[in-house]
mmCIF file of all heavy atoms, coordinates in Angstrom:
data_MODEL
# 
_entry.id   MODEL 
# 
loop_
_atom_site.group_PDB 
_atom_site.id 
_atom_site.type_symbol 
_atom_site.label_atom_id 
_atom_site.label_alt_id 
_atom_site.label_comp_id 
_atom_site.label_asym_id 
_atom_site.label_entity_id 
_atom_site.label_seq_id 
_atom_site.pdbx_PDB_ins_code 
_atom_site.Cartn_x 
_atom_site.Cartn_y 
_atom_site.Cartn_z 
_atom_site.occupancy 
_atom_site.B_iso_or_equiv 
_atom_site.pdbx_formal_charge 
_atom_site.auth_seq_id 
_atom_site.auth_comp_id 
_atom_site.auth_asym_id 
_atom_site.auth_atom_id 
_atom_site.pdbx_PDB_model_num 
ATOM 1   N N   . GLY A 1 1  ? 18.658  5.641   -15.502 1.00 0.00 ? 1  GLY A N   1 
ATOM 2   C CA  . GLY A 1 1  ? 18.998  6.600   -14.463 1.00 0.00 ? 1  GLY A CA  1 
ATOM 3   C C   . GLY A 1 1  ? 17.837  7.349   -13.929 1.00 0.00 ? 1  GLY A C   1 
ATOM 4   O O   . GLY A 1 1  ? 17.985  8.062   -12.936 1.00 0.00 ? 1  GLY A O   1 
ATOM 5   N N   . GLY A 1 2  ? 16.697  7.242   -14.615 1.00 0.00 ? 2  GLY A N   1 
ATOM 6   C CA  . GLY A 1 2  ? 15.541  7.980   -14.215 1.00 0.00 ? 2  GLY A CA  1 
ATOM 7   C C   . GLY A 1 2  ? 14.755  7.201   -13.128 1.00 0.00 ? 2  GLY A C   1 
ATOM 8   O O   . GLY A 1 2  ? 15.234  6.206   -12.611 1.00 0.00 ? 2  GLY A O   1 
ATOM 9   N N   . SER A 1 3  ? 13.572  7.777   -12.799 1.00 0.00 ? 3  SER A N   1 
ATOM 10  C CA  . SER A 1 3  ? 12.718  7.209   -11.736 1.00 0.00 ? 3  SER A CA  1 
ATOM 11  C C   . SER A 1 3  ? 11.293  7.017   -12.159 1.00 0.00 ? 3  SER A C   1 
ATOM 12  O O   . SER A 1 3  ? 10.777  7.765   -12.983 1.00 0.00 ? 3  SER A O   1 
ATOM 13  C CB  . SER A 1 3  ? 12.776  8.106   -10.464 1.00 0.00 ? 3  SER A CB  1 
ATOM 14  O OG  . SER A 1 3  ? 14.115  8.282   -9.951  1.00 0.00 ? 3  SER A OG  1 
ATOM 15  N N   . LEU A 1 4  ? 10.662  6.122   -11.519 1.00 0.00 ? 4  LEU A N   1 
ATOM 16  C CA  . LEU A 1 4  ? 9.225   5.870   -11.703 1.00 0.00 ? 4  LEU A CA  1 
ATOM 17  C C   . LEU A 1 4  ? 8.597   5.501   -10.337 1.00 0.00 ? 4  LEU A C   1 
ATOM 18  O O   . LEU A 1 4  ? 9.335   4.917   -9.502  1.00 0.00 ? 4  LEU A O   1 
ATOM 19  C CB  . LEU A 1 4  ? 8.937   4.803   -12.679 1.00 0.00 ? 4  LEU A CB  1 
ATOM 20  C CG  . LEU A 1 4  ? 9.064   5.127   -14.218 1.00 0.00 ? 4  LEU A CG  1 
ATOM 21  C CD1 . LEU A 1 4  ? 8.807   3.822   -15.002 1.00 0.00 ? 4  LEU A CD1 1 
ATOM 22  C CD2 . LEU A 1 4  ? 8.069   6.125   -14.592 1.00 0.00 ? 4  LEU A CD2 1 
ATOM 23  N N   . ARG A 1 5  ? 7.351   5.747   -10.205 1.00 0.00 ? 5  ARG A N   1 
ATOM 24  C CA  . ARG A 1 5  ? 6.666   5.418   -9.001  1.00 0.00 ? 5  ARG A CA  1 
ATOM 25  C C   . ARG A 1 5  ? 5.448   4.618   -9.428  1.00 0.00 ? 5  ARG A C   1 
ATOM 26  O O   . ARG A 1 5  ? 4.554   5.182   -10.052 1.00 0.00 ? 5  ARG A O   1 
ATOM 27  C CB  . ARG A 1 5  ? 6.282   6.648   -8.124  1.00 0.00 ? 5  ARG A CB  1 
ATOM 28  C CG  . ARG A 1 5  ? 5.616   6.250   -6.764  1.00 0.00 ? 5  ARG A CG  1 
ATOM 29  C CD  . ARG A 1 5  ? 5.367   7.493   -5.920  1.00 0.00 ? 5  ARG A CD  1 
ATOM 30  N NE  . ARG A 1 5  ? 4.695   7.154   -4.707  1.00 0.00 ? 5  ARG A NE  1 
ATOM 31  C CZ  . ARG A 1 5  ? 5.319   6.767   -3.602  1.00 0.00 ? 5  ARG A CZ  1 
ATOM 32  N NH1 . ARG A 1 5  ? 6.649   6.598   -3.569  1.00 0.00 ? 5  ARG A NH1 1 
ATOM 33  N NH2 . ARG A 1 5  ? 4.677   6.527   -2.476  1.00 0.00 ? 5  ARG A NH2 1 
ATOM 34  N N   . LEU A 1 6  ? 5.412   3.338   -8.968  1.00 0.00 ? 6  LEU A N   1 
ATOM 35  C CA  . LEU A 1 6  ? 4.266   2.512   -9.319  1.00 0.00 ? 6  LEU A CA  1 
ATOM 36  C C   . LEU A 1 6  ? 3.337   2.484   -8.055  1.00 0.00 ? 6  LEU A C   1 
ATOM 37  O O   . LEU A 1 6  ? 3.773   2.527   -6.949  1.00 0.00 ? 6  LEU A O   1 
ATOM 38  C CB  . LEU A 1 6  ? 4.696   1.079   -9.584  1.00 0.00 ? 6  LEU A CB  1 
ATOM 39  C CG  . LEU A 1 6  ? 5.778   0.949   -10.648 1.00 0.00 ? 6  LEU A CG  1 
ATOM 40  C CD1 . LEU A 1 6  ? 6.028   -0.560  -10.867 1.00 0.00 ? 6  LEU A CD1 1 
ATOM 41  C CD2 . LEU A 1 6  ? 5.303   1.571   -11.978 1.00 0.00 ? 6  LEU A CD2 1 
ATOM 42  N N   . SER A 1 7  ? 2.001   2.429   -8.400  1.00 0.00 ? 7  SER A N   1 
ATOM 43  C CA  . SER A 1 7  ? 0.986   2.372   -7.343  1.00 0.00 ? 7  SER A CA  1 
ATOM 44  C C   . SER A 1 7  ? 0.179   1.162   -7.577  1.00 0.00 ? 7  SER A C   1 
ATOM 45  O O   . SER A 1 7  ? -0.130  0.761   -8.675  1.00 0.00 ? 7  SER A O   1 
ATOM 46  C CB  . SER A 1 7  ? 0.171   3.632   -7.323  1.00 0.00 ? 7  SER A CB  1 
ATOM 47  O OG  . SER A 1 7  ? 0.881   4.671   -6.982  1.00 0.00 ? 7  SER A OG  1 
ATOM 48  N N   . CYS A 1 8  ? -0.343  0.614   -6.497  1.00 0.00 ? 8  CYS A N   1 
ATOM 49  C CA  . CYS A 1 8  ? -1.239  -0.517  -6.523  1.00 0.00 ? 8  CYS A CA  1 
ATOM 50  C C   . CYS A 1 8  ? -2.399  -0.237  -5.666  1.00 0.00 ? 8  CYS A C   1 
ATOM 51  O O   . CYS A 1 8  ? -2.244  -0.103  -4.454  1.00 0.00 ? 8  CYS A O   1 
ATOM 52  C CB  . CYS A 1 8  ? -0.528  -1.806  -6.084  1.00 0.00 ? 8  CYS A CB  1 
ATOM 53  S SG  . CYS A 1 8  ? -1.598  -3.275  -6.112  1.00 0.00 ? 8  CYS A SG  1 
ATOM 54  N N   . ALA A 1 9  ? -3.519  -0.149  -6.262  1.00 0.00 ? 9  ALA A N   1 
ATOM 55  C CA  . ALA A 1 9  ? -4.790  0.193   -5.487  1.00 0.00 ? 9  ALA A CA  1 
ATOM 56  C C   . ALA A 1 9  ? -5.558  -1.177  -5.266  1.00 0.00 ? 9  ALA A C   1 
ATOM 57  O O   . ALA A 1 9  ? -5.755  -1.933  -6.185  1.00 0.00 ? 9  ALA A O   1 
ATOM 58  C CB  . ALA A 1 9  ? -5.724  1.128   -6.257  1.00 0.00 ? 9  ALA A CB  1 
ATOM 59  N N   . ALA A 1 10 ? -5.913  -1.394  -4.085  1.00 0.00 ? 10 ALA A N   1 
ATOM 60  C CA  . ALA A 1 10 ? -6.647  -2.599  -3.620  1.00 0.00 ? 10 ALA A CA  1 
ATOM 61  C C   . ALA A 1 10 ? -8.038  -2.312  -3.240  1.00 0.00 ? 10 ALA A C   1 
ATOM 62  O O   . ALA A 1 10 ? -8.344  -1.339  -2.607  1.00 0.00 ? 10 ALA A O   1 
ATOM 63  C CB  . ALA A 1 10 ? -5.886  -3.289  -2.563  1.00 0.00 ? 10 ALA A CB  1 
ATOM 64  N N   . SER A 1 11 ? -8.940  -3.247  -3.585  1.00 0.00 ? 11 SER A N   1 
ATOM 65  C CA  . SER A 1 11 ? -10.277 -3.208  -3.121  1.00 0.00 ? 11 SER A CA  1 
ATOM 66  C C   . SER A 1 11 ? -10.450 -4.288  -2.107  1.00 0.00 ? 11 SER A C   1 
ATOM 67  O O   . SER A 1 11 ? -9.729  -5.271  -2.108  1.00 0.00 ? 11 SER A O   1 
ATOM 68  C CB  . SER A 1 11 ? -11.229 -3.425  -4.330  1.00 0.00 ? 11 SER A CB  1 
ATOM 69  O OG  . SER A 1 11 ? -11.080 -4.725  -4.817  1.00 0.00 ? 11 SER A OG  1 
ATOM 70  N N   . GLY A 1 12 ? -11.420 -4.132  -1.250  1.00 0.00 ? 12 GLY A N   1 
ATOM 71  C CA  . GLY A 1 12 ? -11.622 -5.062  -0.217  1.00 0.00 ? 12 GLY A CA  1 
ATOM 72  C C   . GLY A 1 12 ? -11.538 -4.412  1.192   1.00 0.00 ? 12 GLY A C   1 
ATOM 73  O O   . GLY A 1 12 ? -11.009 -3.309  1.325   1.00 0.00 ? 12 GLY A O   1 
ATOM 74  N N   . ARG A 1 13 ? -11.982 -5.126  2.151   1.00 0.00 ? 13 ARG A N   1 
ATOM 75  C CA  . ARG A 1 13 ? -12.068 -4.599  3.482   1.00 0.00 ? 13 ARG A CA  1 
ATOM 76  C C   . ARG A 1 13 ? -11.000 -5.096  4.444   1.00 0.00 ? 13 ARG A C   1 
ATOM 77  O O   . ARG A 1 13 ? -10.954 -4.716  5.622   1.00 0.00 ? 13 ARG A O   1 
ATOM 78  C CB  . ARG A 1 13 ? -13.426 -4.864  4.045   1.00 0.00 ? 13 ARG A CB  1 
ATOM 79  C CG  . ARG A 1 13 ? -14.628 -4.300  3.205   1.00 0.00 ? 13 ARG A CG  1 
ATOM 80  C CD  . ARG A 1 13 ? -15.895 -4.816  3.697   1.00 0.00 ? 13 ARG A CD  1 
ATOM 81  N NE  . ARG A 1 13 ? -16.229 -4.400  5.092   1.00 0.00 ? 13 ARG A NE  1 
ATOM 82  C CZ  . ARG A 1 13 ? -16.883 -3.278  5.335   1.00 0.00 ? 13 ARG A CZ  1 
ATOM 83  N NH1 . ARG A 1 13 ? -17.258 -2.470  4.319   1.00 0.00 ? 13 ARG A NH1 1 
ATOM 84  N NH2 . ARG A 1 13 ? -17.078 -2.906  6.566   1.00 0.00 ? 13 ARG A NH2 1 
ATOM 85  N N   . SER A 1 14 ? -10.124 -6.000  4.011   1.00 0.00 ? 14 SER A N   1 
ATOM 86  C CA  . SER A 1 14 ? -9.078  -6.634  4.809   1.00 0.00 ? 14 SER A CA  1 
ATOM 87  C C   . SER A 1 14 ? -7.683  -6.445  4.294   1.00 0.00 ? 14 SER A C   1 
ATOM 88  O O   . SER A 1 14 ? -6.828  -7.278  4.398   1.00 0.00 ? 14 SER A O   1 
ATOM 89  C CB  . SER A 1 14 ? -9.375  -8.125  4.954   1.00 0.00 ? 14 SER A CB  1 
ATOM 90  O OG  . SER A 1 14 ? -10.710 -8.341  5.554   1.00 0.00 ? 14 SER A OG  1 
ATOM 91  N N   . PHE A 1 15 ? -7.431  -5.275  3.746   1.00 0.00 ? 15 PHE A N   1 
ATOM 92  C CA  . PHE A 1 15 ? -6.165  -4.977  3.177   1.00 0.00 ? 15 PHE A CA  1 
ATOM 93  C C   . PHE A 1 15 ? -5.014  -5.150  4.176   1.00 0.00 ? 15 PHE A C   1 
ATOM 94  O O   . PHE A 1 15 ? -3.947  -5.639  3.826   1.00 0.00 ? 15 PHE A O   1 
ATOM 95  C CB  . PHE A 1 15 ? -6.124  -3.524  2.640   1.00 0.00 ? 15 PHE A CB  1 
ATOM 96  C CG  . PHE A 1 15 ? -4.862  -3.131  1.952   1.00 0.00 ? 15 PHE A CG  1 
ATOM 97  C CD1 . PHE A 1 15 ? -4.626  -3.586  0.608   1.00 0.00 ? 15 PHE A CD1 1 
ATOM 98  C CD2 . PHE A 1 15 ? -3.924  -2.303  2.523   1.00 0.00 ? 15 PHE A CD2 1 
ATOM 99  C CE1 . PHE A 1 15 ? -3.486  -3.207  -0.041  1.00 0.00 ? 15 PHE A CE1 1 
ATOM 100 C CE2 . PHE A 1 15 ? -2.778  -1.928  1.829   1.00 0.00 ? 15 PHE A CE2 1 
ATOM 101 C CZ  . PHE A 1 15 ? -2.534  -2.406  0.569   1.00 0.00 ? 15 PHE A CZ  1 
ATOM 102 N N   . SER A 1 16 ? -5.223  -4.776  5.379   1.00 0.00 ? 16 SER A N   1 
ATOM 103 C CA  . SER A 1 16 ? -4.176  -4.878  6.366   1.00 0.00 ? 16 SER A CA  1 
ATOM 104 C C   . SER A 1 16 ? -3.822  -6.338  6.779   1.00 0.00 ? 16 SER A C   1 
ATOM 105 O O   . SER A 1 16 ? -2.818  -6.549  7.480   1.00 0.00 ? 16 SER A O   1 
ATOM 106 C CB  . SER A 1 16 ? -4.567  -4.096  7.685   1.00 0.00 ? 16 SER A CB  1 
ATOM 107 O OG  . SER A 1 16 ? -5.749  -4.605  8.248   1.00 0.00 ? 16 SER A OG  1 
ATOM 108 N N   . SER A 1 17 ? -4.632  -7.254  6.333   1.00 0.00 ? 17 SER A N   1 
ATOM 109 C CA  . SER A 1 17 ? -4.425  -8.632  6.654   1.00 0.00 ? 17 SER A CA  1 
ATOM 110 C C   . SER A 1 17 ? -3.506  -9.338  5.661   1.00 0.00 ? 17 SER A C   1 
ATOM 111 O O   . SER A 1 17 ? -3.252  -10.534 5.793   1.00 0.00 ? 17 SER A O   1 
ATOM 112 C CB  . SER A 1 17 ? -5.704  -9.405  6.725   1.00 0.00 ? 17 SER A CB  1 
ATOM 113 O OG  . SER A 1 17 ? -6.550  -8.876  7.760   1.00 0.00 ? 17 SER A OG  1 
ATOM 114 N N   . TYR A 1 18 ? -2.996  -8.593  4.738   1.00 0.00 ? 18 TYR A N   1 
ATOM 115 C CA  . TYR A 1 18 ? -2.198  -9.175  3.612   1.00 0.00 ? 18 TYR A CA  1 
ATOM 116 C C   . TYR A 1 18 ? -0.734  -8.713  3.685   1.00 0.00 ? 18 TYR A C   1 
ATOM 117 O O   . TYR A 1 18 ? -0.430  -7.494  3.970   1.00 0.00 ? 18 TYR A O   1 
ATOM 118 C CB  . TYR A 1 18 ? -2.754  -8.790  2.264   1.00 0.00 ? 18 TYR A CB  1 
ATOM 119 C CG  . TYR A 1 18 ? -4.031  -9.420  1.880   1.00 0.00 ? 18 TYR A CG  1 
ATOM 120 C CD1 . TYR A 1 18 ? -5.239  -8.878  2.334   1.00 0.00 ? 18 TYR A CD1 1 
ATOM 121 C CD2 . TYR A 1 18 ? -4.098  -10.567 1.099   1.00 0.00 ? 18 TYR A CD2 1 
ATOM 122 C CE1 . TYR A 1 18 ? -6.463  -9.532  2.012   1.00 0.00 ? 18 TYR A CE1 1 
ATOM 123 C CE2 . TYR A 1 18 ? -5.275  -11.177 0.834   1.00 0.00 ? 18 TYR A CE2 1 
ATOM 124 C CZ  . TYR A 1 18 ? -6.430  -10.606 1.221   1.00 0.00 ? 18 TYR A CZ  1 
ATOM 125 O OH  . TYR A 1 18 ? -7.647  -11.199 0.946   1.00 0.00 ? 18 TYR A OH  1 
ATOM 126 N N   . HIS A 1 19 ? 0.151   -9.579  3.363   1.00 0.00 ? 19 HIS A N   1 
ATOM 127 C CA  . HIS A 1 19 ? 1.506   -9.205  3.015   1.00 0.00 ? 19 HIS A CA  1 
ATOM 128 C C   . HIS A 1 19 ? 1.441   -8.753  1.565   1.00 0.00 ? 19 HIS A C   1 
ATOM 129 O O   . HIS A 1 19 ? 0.758   -9.383  0.766   1.00 0.00 ? 19 HIS A O   1 
ATOM 130 C CB  . HIS A 1 19 ? 2.487   -10.367 3.172   1.00 0.00 ? 19 HIS A CB  1 
ATOM 131 C CG  . HIS A 1 19 ? 2.521   -10.978 4.490   1.00 0.00 ? 19 HIS A CG  1 
ATOM 132 N ND1 . HIS A 1 19 ? 2.835   -10.269 5.634   1.00 0.00 ? 19 HIS A ND1 1 
ATOM 133 C CD2 . HIS A 1 19 ? 2.259   -12.227 4.930   1.00 0.00 ? 19 HIS A CD2 1 
ATOM 134 C CE1 . HIS A 1 19 ? 2.777   -11.115 6.715   1.00 0.00 ? 19 HIS A CE1 1 
ATOM 135 N NE2 . HIS A 1 19 ? 2.423   -12.260 6.257   1.00 0.00 ? 19 HIS A NE2 1 
ATOM 136 N N   . LEU A 1 20 ? 2.199   -7.752  1.192   1.00 0.00 ? 20 LEU A N   1 
ATOM 137 C CA  . LEU A 1 20 ? 2.172   -7.182  -0.118  1.00 0.00 ? 20 LEU A CA  1 
ATOM 138 C C   . LEU A 1 20 ? 3.587   -7.252  -0.795  1.00 0.00 ? 20 LEU A C   1 
ATOM 139 O O   . LEU A 1 20 ? 4.539   -7.098  -0.081  1.00 0.00 ? 20 LEU A O   1 
ATOM 140 C CB  . LEU A 1 20 ? 1.645   -5.737  -0.090  1.00 0.00 ? 20 LEU A CB  1 
ATOM 141 C CG  . LEU A 1 20 ? 0.294   -5.536  0.459   1.00 0.00 ? 20 LEU A CG  1 
ATOM 142 C CD1 . LEU A 1 20 ? -0.055  -4.113  0.664   1.00 0.00 ? 20 LEU A CD1 1 
ATOM 143 C CD2 . LEU A 1 20 ? -0.729  -6.206  -0.428  1.00 0.00 ? 20 LEU A CD2 1 
ATOM 144 N N   . ALA A 1 21 ? 3.607   -7.447  -2.050  1.00 0.00 ? 21 ALA A N   1 
ATOM 145 C CA  . ALA A 1 21 ? 4.843   -7.577  -2.751  1.00 0.00 ? 21 ALA A CA  1 
ATOM 146 C C   . ALA A 1 21 ? 4.754   -7.125  -4.217  1.00 0.00 ? 21 ALA A C   1 
ATOM 147 O O   . ALA A 1 21 ? 3.637   -7.014  -4.766  1.00 0.00 ? 21 ALA A O   1 
ATOM 148 C CB  . ALA A 1 21 ? 5.254   -9.081  -2.786  1.00 0.00 ? 21 ALA A CB  1 
ATOM 149 N N   . TRP A 1 22 ? 5.923   -6.809  -4.770  1.00 0.00 ? 22 TRP A N   1 
ATOM 150 C CA  . TRP A 1 22 ? 6.000   -6.554  -6.147  1.00 0.00 ? 22 TRP A CA  1 
ATOM 151 C C   . TRP A 1 22 ? 6.891   -7.560  -6.838  1.00 0.00 ? 22 TRP A C   1 
ATOM 152 O O   . TRP A 1 22 ? 7.912   -7.977  -6.345  1.00 0.00 ? 22 TRP A O   1 
ATOM 153 C CB  . TRP A 1 22 ? 6.638   -5.157  -6.389  1.00 0.00 ? 22 TRP A CB  1 
ATOM 154 C CG  . TRP A 1 22 ? 5.763   -4.014  -6.080  1.00 0.00 ? 22 TRP A CG  1 
ATOM 155 C CD1 . TRP A 1 22 ? 5.714   -3.311  -4.881  1.00 0.00 ? 22 TRP A CD1 1 
ATOM 156 C CD2 . TRP A 1 22 ? 4.812   -3.394  -6.941  1.00 0.00 ? 22 TRP A CD2 1 
ATOM 157 N NE1 . TRP A 1 22 ? 4.745   -2.377  -4.910  1.00 0.00 ? 22 TRP A NE1 1 
ATOM 158 C CE2 . TRP A 1 22 ? 4.189   -2.356  -6.211  1.00 0.00 ? 22 TRP A CE2 1 
ATOM 159 C CE3 . TRP A 1 22 ? 4.370   -3.607  -8.252  1.00 0.00 ? 22 TRP A CE3 1 
ATOM 160 C CZ2 . TRP A 1 22 ? 3.158   -1.525  -6.771  1.00 0.00 ? 22 TRP A CZ2 1 
ATOM 161 C CZ3 . TRP A 1 22 ? 3.416   -2.750  -8.801  1.00 0.00 ? 22 TRP A CZ3 1 
ATOM 162 C CH2 . TRP A 1 22 ? 2.844   -1.765  -8.007  1.00 0.00 ? 22 TRP A CH2 1 
ATOM 163 N N   . PHE A 1 23 ? 6.375   -8.072  -8.003  1.00 0.00 ? 23 PHE A N   1 
ATOM 164 C CA  . PHE A 1 23 ? 7.130   -8.949  -8.825  1.00 0.00 ? 23 PHE A CA  1 
ATOM 165 C C   . PHE A 1 23 ? 7.251   -8.293  -10.210 1.00 0.00 ? 23 PHE A C   1 
ATOM 166 O O   . PHE A 1 23 ? 6.623   -7.382  -10.523 1.00 0.00 ? 23 PHE A O   1 
ATOM 167 C CB  . PHE A 1 23 ? 6.389   -10.306 -8.979  1.00 0.00 ? 23 PHE A CB  1 
ATOM 168 C CG  . PHE A 1 23 ? 6.328   -11.126 -7.699  1.00 0.00 ? 23 PHE A CG  1 
ATOM 169 C CD1 . PHE A 1 23 ? 5.435   -10.846 -6.740  1.00 0.00 ? 23 PHE A CD1 1 
ATOM 170 C CD2 . PHE A 1 23 ? 7.156   -12.257 -7.605  1.00 0.00 ? 23 PHE A CD2 1 
ATOM 171 C CE1 . PHE A 1 23 ? 5.384   -11.631 -5.580  1.00 0.00 ? 23 PHE A CE1 1 
ATOM 172 C CE2 . PHE A 1 23 ? 7.087   -13.038 -6.443  1.00 0.00 ? 23 PHE A CE2 1 
ATOM 173 C CZ  . PHE A 1 23 ? 6.207   -12.669 -5.408  1.00 0.00 ? 23 PHE A CZ  1 
ATOM 174 N N   . ARG A 1 24 ? 8.165   -8.826  -10.960 1.00 0.00 ? 24 ARG A N   1 
ATOM 175 C CA  . ARG A 1 24 ? 8.307   -8.371  -12.355 1.00 0.00 ? 24 ARG A CA  1 
ATOM 176 C C   . ARG A 1 24 ? 8.713   -9.470  -13.330 1.00 0.00 ? 24 ARG A C   1 
ATOM 177 O O   . ARG A 1 24 ? 9.271   -10.492 -12.915 1.00 0.00 ? 24 ARG A O   1 
ATOM 178 C CB  . ARG A 1 24 ? 9.385   -7.257  -12.427 1.00 0.00 ? 24 ARG A CB  1 
ATOM 179 C CG  . ARG A 1 24 ? 10.799  -7.766  -12.181 1.00 0.00 ? 24 ARG A CG  1 
ATOM 180 C CD  . ARG A 1 24 ? 11.745  -6.541  -12.116 1.00 0.00 ? 24 ARG A CD  1 
ATOM 181 N NE  . ARG A 1 24 ? 13.154  -6.936  -11.907 1.00 0.00 ? 24 ARG A NE  1 
ATOM 182 C CZ  . ARG A 1 24 ? 14.184  -6.136  -11.703 1.00 0.00 ? 24 ARG A CZ  1 
ATOM 183 N NH1 . ARG A 1 24 ? 13.904  -4.819  -11.753 1.00 0.00 ? 24 ARG A NH1 1 
ATOM 184 N NH2 . ARG A 1 24 ? 15.377  -6.627  -11.535 1.00 0.00 ? 24 ARG A NH2 1 
ATOM 185 N N   . GLN A 1 25 ? 8.368   -9.278  -14.553 1.00 0.00 ? 25 GLN A N   1 
ATOM 186 C CA  . GLN A 1 25 ? 8.640   -10.254 -15.555 1.00 0.00 ? 25 GLN A CA  1 
ATOM 187 C C   . GLN A 1 25 ? 9.271   -9.588  -16.804 1.00 0.00 ? 25 GLN A C   1 
ATOM 188 O O   . GLN A 1 25 ? 8.612   -8.848  -17.471 1.00 0.00 ? 25 GLN A O   1 
ATOM 189 C CB  . GLN A 1 25 ? 7.492   -11.081 -15.921 1.00 0.00 ? 25 GLN A CB  1 
ATOM 190 C CG  . GLN A 1 25 ? 7.685   -12.260 -16.918 1.00 0.00 ? 25 GLN A CG  1 
ATOM 191 C CD  . GLN A 1 25 ? 6.524   -13.149 -17.043 1.00 0.00 ? 25 GLN A CD  1 
ATOM 192 O OE1 . GLN A 1 25 ? 5.412   -12.803 -16.707 1.00 0.00 ? 25 GLN A OE1 1 
ATOM 193 N NE2 . GLN A 1 25 ? 6.760   -14.358 -17.500 1.00 0.00 ? 25 GLN A NE2 1 
# 
């Protein structure tokens, strides 16, 4: 019932050129 906020920091100069997604296992 609680909440969490995950963050993903990216390095590189073309971040806007990528589709981004979250997966889980």
